[in-house]
């Protein structure tokens, strides 16, 4: 008999969701806001299923190495699972044999998940399940599973019907929804303020942005006239967005904001690994205890950096997309989104890194840097929809390039 035991007490929504999952035959997708405790809820489901299937196998599929790191730590610390009972499958590590819990990155799960579940009772958990609906990734969902659980703040996909066509048949329907406003009302996510900070492109960057804007207009006309299938338009739009995302001023403004909150636990996001490393070097030179987390760092160092940040040895964690999905750093009080994509999902995920409650944490602040009218308009639309924020402020950057 496995001696797994959950640490802490479940929240009301988690108990309700567990009851719903049971009533639906232990299958379904939980649409739950980032930061509300999806991983703990999944561990409740694991304990519930394992009590009936002590010899079964749990297969946990995650999209990124960052989430794999976080799940591994959480299984040990929150569910009491011994390392010997966890098999890891990724591009960095490959277990030699299955274990009671099999933790794998999505790319690896395409070929491994079905085999590990063969001829044995199995429970499939897919974290950030919207990522598994792409045609190639859907291979990870194949196989016969006695129980299944999908987790995502945003299970719907923007450009296809992957939810209805792929996820629901494999995992079950959306069986529970828990949003920002409910989580804020219940005290599940901390009170937060959004601060949108306007920055200016350099003259050269502005000239390049304007040049690409003209090319966007030309590409739109060609597309409307049937002279192009839209591929050229997408390329030019990405090129224009890159000019803003990689603007030089984003680095000193991010550092200035970290200076303003010196000593408070802070996560800084940038789209570029090189820029993230530059921010960390500048912060270190200014006597901040700052460390890095990104995909080019070895697994052991990544996990150590997370643990040390959570324990307070580092006050600033600088990252790029590696931290977007799932990493649990509830001690974070300040989020600085120095650079981002147009993805609403990415924005929700990054905010979720900061909104988790923690001891002695009364509130959180999320700064977002923007340089163009398009970015500003997107943030305005978000502010109109997001009722859970205590306040939304707009300001100009104090630092100029």
Protein backbone atom coordinates (compact mmCIF):
# COMPACT_ATOMS: atom_id res chain seq x y z
CA UNK A 1 0.00 0.00 0.00
CA UNK A 2 1.43 3.38 -1.01
CA UNK A 3 1.87 5.78 1.88
CA UNK A 4 1.04 8.97 0.00
CA UNK A 5 -0.58 11.66 2.08
CA UNK A 6 -1.58 15.19 1.10
CA UNK A 7 -0.05 18.08 3.02
CA UNK A 8 -2.44 20.83 4.11
CA UNK A 9 -6.19 21.14 3.78
CA UNK A 10 -8.06 21.37 0.46
CA UNK A 11 -9.96 24.49 -0.51
CA UNK A 12 -13.71 24.43 -0.99
CA UNK A 13 -13.47 24.60 -4.78
CA UNK A 14 -11.04 21.66 -4.81
CA UNK A 15 -13.42 19.50 -2.79
CA UNK A 16 -16.30 20.44 -5.11
CA UNK A 17 -14.23 19.69 -8.18
CA UNK A 18 -13.14 16.31 -6.79
CA UNK A 19 -16.76 15.37 -6.15
CA UNK A 20 -17.70 16.39 -9.69
CA UNK A 21 -14.79 14.42 -11.16
CA UNK A 22 -15.87 11.32 -9.26
CA UNK A 23 -19.50 11.75 -10.36
CA UNK A 24 -18.36 11.87 -13.99
CA UNK A 25 -16.55 8.54 -13.76
CA UNK A 26 -13.19 10.08 -12.87
CA UNK A 27 -12.86 11.85 -16.20
CA UNK A 28 -13.02 15.50 -17.19
CA UNK A 29 -11.25 18.83 -17.66
CA UNK A 30 -10.93 21.42 -14.89
CA UNK A 31 -10.85 25.00 -16.18
CA UNK A 32 -9.23 26.76 -13.22
CA UNK A 33 -7.54 30.15 -13.04
CA UNK A 34 -3.77 30.07 -12.73
CA UNK A 35 -2.70 30.33 -9.11
CA UNK A 36 -5.79 28.74 -7.56
CA UNK A 37 -4.21 25.34 -6.87
CA UNK A 38 -4.70 23.11 -9.93
CA UNK A 39 -1.72 20.93 -9.03
CA UNK A 40 -2.95 20.30 -5.49
CA UNK A 41 -6.37 19.39 -6.90
CA UNK A 42 -4.70 16.91 -9.26
CA UNK A 43 -2.86 15.39 -6.30
CA UNK A 44 -6.22 14.96 -4.55
CA UNK A 45 -7.41 13.04 -7.62
CA UNK A 46 -4.21 10.95 -7.57
CA UNK A 47 -4.73 10.00 -3.92
CA UNK A 48 -8.40 9.22 -4.57
CA UNK A 49 -7.69 6.98 -7.57
CA UNK A 50 -4.63 5.27 -6.02
CA UNK A 51 -6.71 4.23 -3.02
CA UNK A 52 -8.81 2.09 -5.39
CA UNK A 53 -5.98 1.10 -7.74
CA UNK A 54 -2.89 0.55 -5.56
CA UNK A 55 -1.07 -1.27 -8.36
CA UNK A 56 -2.02 1.15 -11.12
CA UNK A 57 0.17 3.67 -12.90
CA UNK A 58 -0.28 7.42 -12.99
CA UNK A 59 0.94 9.19 -16.14
CA UNK A 60 1.41 12.95 -15.82
CA UNK A 61 2.02 14.82 -19.08
CA UNK A 62 3.33 18.39 -18.99
CA UNK A 63 4.31 20.72 -21.87
CA UNK A 64 7.63 22.04 -20.54
CA UNK A 65 10.70 21.12 -18.51
CA UNK A 66 9.77 23.90 -16.07
CA UNK A 67 6.48 22.21 -15.29
CA UNK A 68 8.19 18.84 -15.01
CA UNK A 69 10.57 20.33 -12.43
CA UNK A 70 7.66 21.81 -10.49
CA UNK A 71 5.59 18.61 -10.50
CA UNK A 72 8.57 16.57 -9.32
CA UNK A 73 9.16 18.90 -6.37
CA UNK A 74 5.44 19.13 -5.52
CA UNK A 75 4.92 15.34 -5.61
CA UNK A 76 7.74 14.90 -3.12
CA UNK A 77 6.88 17.79 -0.83
CA UNK A 78 3.06 17.90 -1.00
CA UNK A 79 2.07 14.27 -1.57
CA UNK A 80 4.99 12.51 0.14
CA UNK A 81 6.00 10.53 -2.95
CA UNK A 82 9.51 9.06 -2.77
CA UNK A 83 11.87 9.78 -5.62
CA UNK A 84 12.12 6.06 -6.39
CA UNK A 85 8.37 6.05 -7.16
CA UNK A 86 8.70 8.72 -9.87
CA UNK A 87 9.95 7.88 -13.36
CA UNK A 88 10.97 10.87 -15.49
CA UNK A 89 10.80 10.92 -19.28
CA UNK A 90 12.10 13.96 -21.19
CA UNK A 91 14.79 15.03 -23.62
CA UNK A 92 17.13 15.35 -20.64
CA UNK A 93 16.20 12.23 -18.66
CA UNK A 94 14.80 8.85 -19.67
CA UNK A 95 13.71 6.33 -17.03
CA UNK A 96 14.73 2.72 -17.63
CA UNK A 97 11.43 1.32 -16.31
CA UNK A 98 7.95 2.63 -15.42
CA UNK A 99 7.15 3.62 -11.83
CA UNK A 100 3.91 4.21 -9.90
CA UNK A 101 4.06 7.83 -11.10
CA UNK A 102 5.43 8.54 -14.58
CA UNK A 103 6.20 12.19 -15.27
CA UNK A 104 6.85 13.13 -18.87
CA UNK A 105 7.20 16.10 -21.19
CA UNK A 106 4.62 16.26 -23.96
CA UNK A 107 7.07 15.60 -26.81
CA UNK A 108 8.25 12.40 -25.13
CA UNK A 109 4.73 11.37 -24.15
CA UNK A 110 3.79 11.11 -27.82
CA UNK A 111 5.67 7.81 -27.99
CA UNK A 112 5.82 6.73 -24.32
CA UNK A 113 2.43 7.36 -22.68
CA UNK A 114 0.48 4.64 -24.48
CA UNK A 115 3.16 2.01 -23.89
CA UNK A 116 3.42 2.73 -20.17
CA UNK A 117 -0.36 2.36 -19.75
CA UNK A 118 -0.54 -0.95 -21.61
CA UNK A 119 -2.01 -3.91 -19.68
CA UNK A 120 -2.21 -2.07 -16.36
CA UNK A 121 -4.80 0.22 -14.72
CA UNK A 122 -3.79 3.79 -15.58
CA UNK A 123 -4.70 7.39 -14.77
CA UNK A 124 -3.74 10.04 -17.34
CA UNK A 125 -3.24 13.64 -16.14
CA UNK A 126 -2.51 16.31 -18.76
CA UNK A 127 -1.43 19.65 -17.33
CA UNK A 128 -1.95 22.74 -19.53
CA UNK A 129 -3.99 20.34 -21.65
CA UNK A 130 -4.69 22.90 -24.38
CA UNK A 131 -1.12 22.23 -25.56
CA UNK A 132 -1.93 18.55 -26.18
CA UNK A 133 -4.64 19.29 -28.75
CA UNK A 134 -2.22 20.02 -31.61
CA UNK A 135 -2.21 17.13 -34.12
CA UNK A 136 1.26 15.84 -33.27
CA UNK A 137 0.83 16.24 -29.52
CA UNK A 138 -2.51 14.44 -29.56
CA UNK A 139 -0.54 11.19 -29.87
CA UNK A 140 0.21 11.57 -26.14
CA UNK A 141 -3.49 11.09 -25.40
CA UNK A 142 -3.79 7.73 -27.12
CA UNK A 143 -4.30 4.56 -25.14
CA UNK A 144 -6.89 3.15 -22.79
CA UNK A 145 -7.00 4.90 -19.41
CA UNK A 146 -9.29 4.09 -16.48
CA UNK A 147 -9.23 7.71 -15.33
CA UNK A 148 -8.28 11.00 -16.97
CA UNK A 149 -7.91 14.62 -15.92
CA UNK A 150 -7.15 17.73 -17.97
CA UNK A 151 -5.98 20.95 -16.33
CA UNK A 152 -5.89 24.41 -17.87
CA UNK A 153 -6.89 27.99 -17.17
CA UNK A 154 -7.75 28.28 -20.87
CA UNK A 155 -8.62 24.88 -22.41
CA UNK A 156 -10.20 26.47 -25.48
CA UNK A 157 -7.81 26.91 -28.40
CA UNK A 158 -7.74 30.12 -30.43
CA UNK A 159 -7.31 28.79 -33.96
CA UNK A 160 -8.94 25.34 -34.03
CA UNK A 161 -11.48 23.09 -32.34
CA UNK A 162 -8.87 21.06 -30.51
CA UNK A 163 -10.95 21.18 -27.34
CA UNK A 164 -13.99 19.49 -28.84
CA UNK A 165 -12.22 17.35 -31.41
CA UNK A 166 -9.25 16.09 -29.36
CA UNK A 167 -9.36 16.90 -25.65
CA UNK A 168 -12.96 16.05 -24.78
CA UNK A 169 -12.90 12.59 -26.42
CA UNK A 170 -9.65 11.72 -24.64
CA UNK A 171 -10.07 13.39 -21.25
CA UNK A 172 -13.77 14.08 -20.87
CA UNK A 173 -15.74 17.35 -21.00
CA UNK A 174 -15.07 20.52 -19.04
CA UNK A 175 -16.56 19.45 -15.72
CA UNK A 176 -15.56 22.33 -13.45
CA UNK A 177 -14.81 26.03 -13.94
CA UNK A 178 -13.24 28.40 -11.42
CA UNK A 179 -12.30 31.90 -12.61
CA UNK A 180 -10.40 35.00 -11.47
CA UNK A 181 -13.39 36.73 -9.90
CA UNK A 182 -14.42 33.65 -7.90
CA UNK A 183 -10.84 33.05 -6.77
CA UNK A 184 -10.43 36.67 -5.71
CA UNK A 185 -13.73 36.62 -3.82
CA UNK A 186 -12.75 33.41 -2.02
CA UNK A 187 -9.29 34.69 -1.12
CA UNK A 188 -7.68 31.94 -3.20
CA UNK A 189 -5.63 34.44 -5.18
CA UNK A 190 -4.15 37.49 -3.55
CA UNK A 191 -5.32 41.06 -4.05
CA UNK A 192 -3.45 42.60 -6.98
CA UNK A 193 -2.78 45.85 -8.84
CA UNK A 194 -1.97 46.07 -12.55
CA UNK A 195 0.42 48.81 -13.62
CA UNK A 196 0.89 49.34 -17.36
CA UNK A 197 4.11 51.22 -18.09
CA UNK A 198 4.59 53.06 -21.38
CA UNK A 199 8.08 53.08 -22.88
CA UNK A 200 9.51 54.70 -26.00
CA UNK A 201 11.34 52.97 -28.83
CA UNK A 202 14.68 54.46 -29.82
CA UNK A 203 14.68 56.54 -33.02
CA UNK A 204 16.19 53.65 -35.00
CA UNK A 205 13.70 51.16 -33.54
CA UNK A 206 10.79 53.49 -34.26
CA UNK A 207 11.95 53.95 -37.86
CA UNK A 208 12.16 50.18 -38.33
CA UNK A 209 8.74 49.69 -36.71
CA UNK A 210 7.21 52.32 -39.03
CA UNK A 211 8.85 50.71 -42.07
CA UNK A 212 7.42 47.33 -41.17
CA UNK A 213 4.00 48.90 -40.51
CA UNK A 214 3.95 50.06 -44.15
CA UNK A 215 4.88 46.54 -45.24
CA UNK A 216 2.04 45.18 -43.10
CA UNK A 217 -0.37 47.43 -45.00
CA UNK A 218 0.97 46.19 -48.33
CA UNK A 219 0.70 42.55 -47.18
CA UNK A 220 -2.90 43.10 -46.06
CA UNK A 221 -3.83 44.49 -49.47
CA UNK A 222 -2.16 41.54 -51.24
CA UNK A 223 -4.03 39.13 -49.00
CA UNK A 224 -7.40 40.82 -49.60
CA UNK A 225 -6.76 40.78 -53.36
CA UNK A 226 -6.05 37.06 -53.27
CA UNK A 227 -2.39 37.55 -54.24
CA UNK A 228 -1.07 35.89 -51.07
CA UNK A 229 -2.33 33.15 -48.72
CA UNK A 230 -1.58 35.23 -45.62
CA UNK A 231 1.80 33.67 -44.88
CA UNK A 232 3.69 36.81 -45.86
CA UNK A 233 1.42 38.92 -43.65
CA UNK A 234 2.15 36.67 -40.66
CA UNK A 235 5.90 36.97 -41.24
CA UNK A 236 5.83 40.78 -41.40
CA UNK A 237 3.60 41.00 -38.33
CA UNK A 238 6.06 38.84 -36.38
CA UNK A 239 8.97 40.97 -37.56
CA UNK A 240 7.22 44.16 -36.44
CA UNK A 241 6.26 42.69 -33.06
CA UNK A 242 9.88 41.60 -32.55
CA UNK A 243 11.10 45.19 -32.90
CA UNK A 244 8.97 46.22 -29.94
CA UNK A 245 9.52 43.07 -27.90
CA UNK A 246 13.30 43.42 -28.11
CA UNK A 247 13.50 47.19 -27.63
CA UNK A 248 16.68 48.09 -25.74
CA UNK A 249 14.87 50.28 -23.20
CA UNK A 250 12.96 47.30 -21.77
CA UNK A 251 16.06 46.14 -19.88
CA UNK A 252 16.85 49.38 -17.93
CA UNK A 253 13.15 50.00 -17.23
CA UNK A 254 12.76 46.49 -15.81
CA UNK A 255 15.83 47.05 -13.64
CA UNK A 256 14.50 50.42 -12.45
CA UNK A 257 11.23 48.78 -11.39
CA UNK A 258 13.13 46.07 -9.52
CA UNK A 259 15.14 48.82 -7.80
CA UNK A 260 11.88 50.42 -6.69
CA UNK A 261 10.89 47.19 -4.93
CA UNK A 262 14.32 46.14 -3.70
CA UNK A 263 14.15 43.28 -1.22
CA UNK A 264 10.67 42.11 -2.24
CA UNK A 265 10.33 38.77 -4.03
CA UNK A 266 10.20 39.64 -7.73
CA UNK A 267 9.88 37.70 -11.00
CA UNK A 268 10.92 39.40 -14.25
CA UNK A 269 9.83 38.00 -17.63
CA UNK A 270 11.40 38.67 -21.01
CA UNK A 271 10.92 36.92 -24.34
CA UNK A 272 14.66 36.58 -24.97
CA UNK A 273 17.12 34.43 -23.00
CA UNK A 274 19.93 36.85 -23.89
CA UNK A 275 17.90 39.78 -22.54
CA UNK A 276 17.00 37.84 -19.38
CA UNK A 277 20.69 37.16 -18.79
CA UNK A 278 21.48 40.86 -19.36
CA UNK A 279 18.85 41.89 -16.81
CA UNK A 280 20.26 39.44 -14.26
CA UNK A 281 23.81 40.74 -14.77
CA UNK A 282 22.72 44.36 -14.31
CA UNK A 283 20.73 43.49 -11.21
CA UNK A 284 23.67 41.58 -9.72
CA UNK A 285 25.93 44.56 -10.40
CA UNK A 286 23.42 46.71 -8.49
CA UNK A 287 23.62 44.35 -5.48
CA UNK A 288 20.35 42.51 -6.03
CA UNK A 289 20.25 38.82 -5.10
CA UNK A 290 19.10 37.80 -8.58
CA UNK A 291 19.18 34.45 -10.32
CA UNK A 292 18.05 32.95 -13.63
CA UNK A 293 15.59 30.33 -14.78
CA UNK A 294 15.48 29.32 -18.45
CA UNK A 295 15.67 26.27 -20.68
CA UNK A 296 19.41 26.41 -21.32
CA UNK A 297 20.23 25.85 -17.64
CA UNK A 298 20.71 22.26 -16.47
CA UNK A 299 17.80 20.55 -14.64
CA UNK A 300 19.59 20.36 -11.28
CA UNK A 301 20.54 24.05 -11.36
CA UNK A 302 17.06 25.10 -12.49
CA UNK A 303 15.43 23.23 -9.61
CA UNK A 304 17.95 24.61 -7.12
CA UNK A 305 17.34 28.16 -8.34
CA UNK A 306 13.58 27.70 -7.84
CA UNK A 307 14.04 26.29 -4.33
CA UNK A 308 16.48 29.06 -3.35
CA UNK A 309 14.16 31.75 -4.69
CA UNK A 310 11.22 30.29 -2.77
CA UNK A 311 13.32 30.13 0.41
CA UNK A 312 14.48 33.73 0.05
CA UNK A 313 18.14 33.17 -0.80
CA UNK A 314 17.40 35.07 -4.02
CA UNK A 315 14.97 37.98 -4.12
CA UNK A 316 14.71 38.27 -7.90
CA UNK A 317 14.13 35.51 -10.45
CA UNK A 318 14.67 36.47 -14.10
CA UNK A 319 13.18 34.24 -16.75
CA UNK A 320 11.65 34.05 -20.20
CA UNK A 321 9.05 31.60 -21.50
CA UNK A 322 10.32 28.76 -19.31
CA UNK A 323 8.30 30.15 -16.37
CA UNK A 324 5.12 30.92 -18.31
CA UNK A 325 3.27 27.73 -17.49
CA UNK A 326 2.82 26.14 -14.13
CA UNK A 327 5.80 26.99 -11.96
CA UNK A 328 4.65 27.55 -8.39
CA UNK A 329 6.36 30.52 -6.72
CA UNK A 330 3.66 31.86 -4.38
CA UNK A 331 6.12 33.99 -2.42
CA UNK A 332 6.37 36.35 -5.41
CA UNK A 333 5.02 39.83 -4.67
CA UNK A 334 6.10 41.71 -7.80
CA UNK A 335 5.80 40.62 -11.43
CA UNK A 336 7.52 42.62 -14.16
CA UNK A 337 6.55 41.63 -17.70
CA UNK A 338 9.38 43.35 -19.53
CA UNK A 339 8.46 41.79 -22.86
CA UNK A 340 5.62 39.56 -24.03
CA UNK A 341 3.72 38.21 -27.00
CA UNK A 342 0.17 39.08 -28.02
CA UNK A 343 -1.10 35.86 -26.46
CA UNK A 344 -3.84 36.30 -23.87
CA UNK A 345 -2.98 32.84 -22.57
CA UNK A 346 0.64 33.85 -21.92
CA UNK A 347 -0.49 36.96 -20.06
CA UNK A 348 -2.85 34.92 -17.87
CA UNK A 349 -0.10 32.42 -17.12
CA UNK A 350 2.44 35.09 -16.19
CA UNK A 351 0.00 36.90 -13.94
CA UNK A 352 -0.68 33.57 -12.27
CA UNK A 353 2.94 33.30 -11.20
CA UNK A 354 2.37 36.35 -8.98
CA UNK A 355 -1.22 35.97 -7.74
CA UNK A 356 -0.77 32.86 -5.59
CA UNK A 357 -1.34 33.53 -1.88
CA UNK A 358 1.46 33.02 0.65
CA UNK A 359 2.17 33.74 4.29
CA UNK A 360 2.86 37.43 5.06
CA UNK A 361 1.83 38.38 1.50
CA UNK A 362 -1.01 40.91 1.50
CA UNK A 363 -1.01 41.96 -2.15
CA UNK A 364 0.81 41.69 -5.46
CA UNK A 365 1.69 44.10 -8.25
CA UNK A 366 2.08 43.21 -11.92
CA UNK A 367 3.90 45.67 -14.18
CA UNK A 368 3.59 45.33 -17.96
CA UNK A 369 5.81 47.35 -20.29
CA UNK A 370 4.29 48.47 -23.60
CA UNK A 371 5.74 50.49 -26.47
CA UNK A 372 3.13 50.66 -29.23
CA UNK A 373 -0.52 51.63 -29.72
CA UNK A 374 -1.34 47.99 -30.49
CA UNK A 375 0.05 46.84 -27.13
CA UNK A 376 -1.70 49.67 -25.31
CA UNK A 377 -5.04 48.84 -26.91
CA UNK A 378 -4.68 45.18 -25.95
CA UNK A 379 -4.01 46.11 -22.33
CA UNK A 380 -6.99 48.49 -22.31
CA UNK A 381 -9.29 45.71 -23.53
CA UNK A 382 -7.96 43.41 -20.81
CA UNK A 383 -8.48 46.05 -18.10
CA UNK A 384 -12.14 46.40 -19.12
CA UNK A 385 -12.74 42.66 -18.75
CA UNK A 386 -10.69 41.85 -15.64
CA UNK A 387 -12.91 42.69 -12.69
CA UNK A 388 -10.71 40.89 -10.17
CA UNK A 389 -7.95 43.51 -10.17
CA UNK A 390 -8.09 45.93 -7.24
CA UNK A 391 -6.77 48.73 -9.44
CA UNK A 392 -5.37 49.32 -12.94
CA UNK A 393 -2.87 52.17 -13.29
CA UNK A 394 -1.14 53.69 -16.32
CA UNK A 395 2.20 55.49 -16.18
CA UNK A 396 5.17 56.44 -18.29
CA UNK A 397 8.57 54.90 -17.69
CA UNK A 398 10.90 56.83 -15.43
CA UNK A 399 13.93 55.68 -17.41
CA UNK A 400 14.61 56.67 -21.00
CA UNK A 401 17.04 54.93 -23.34
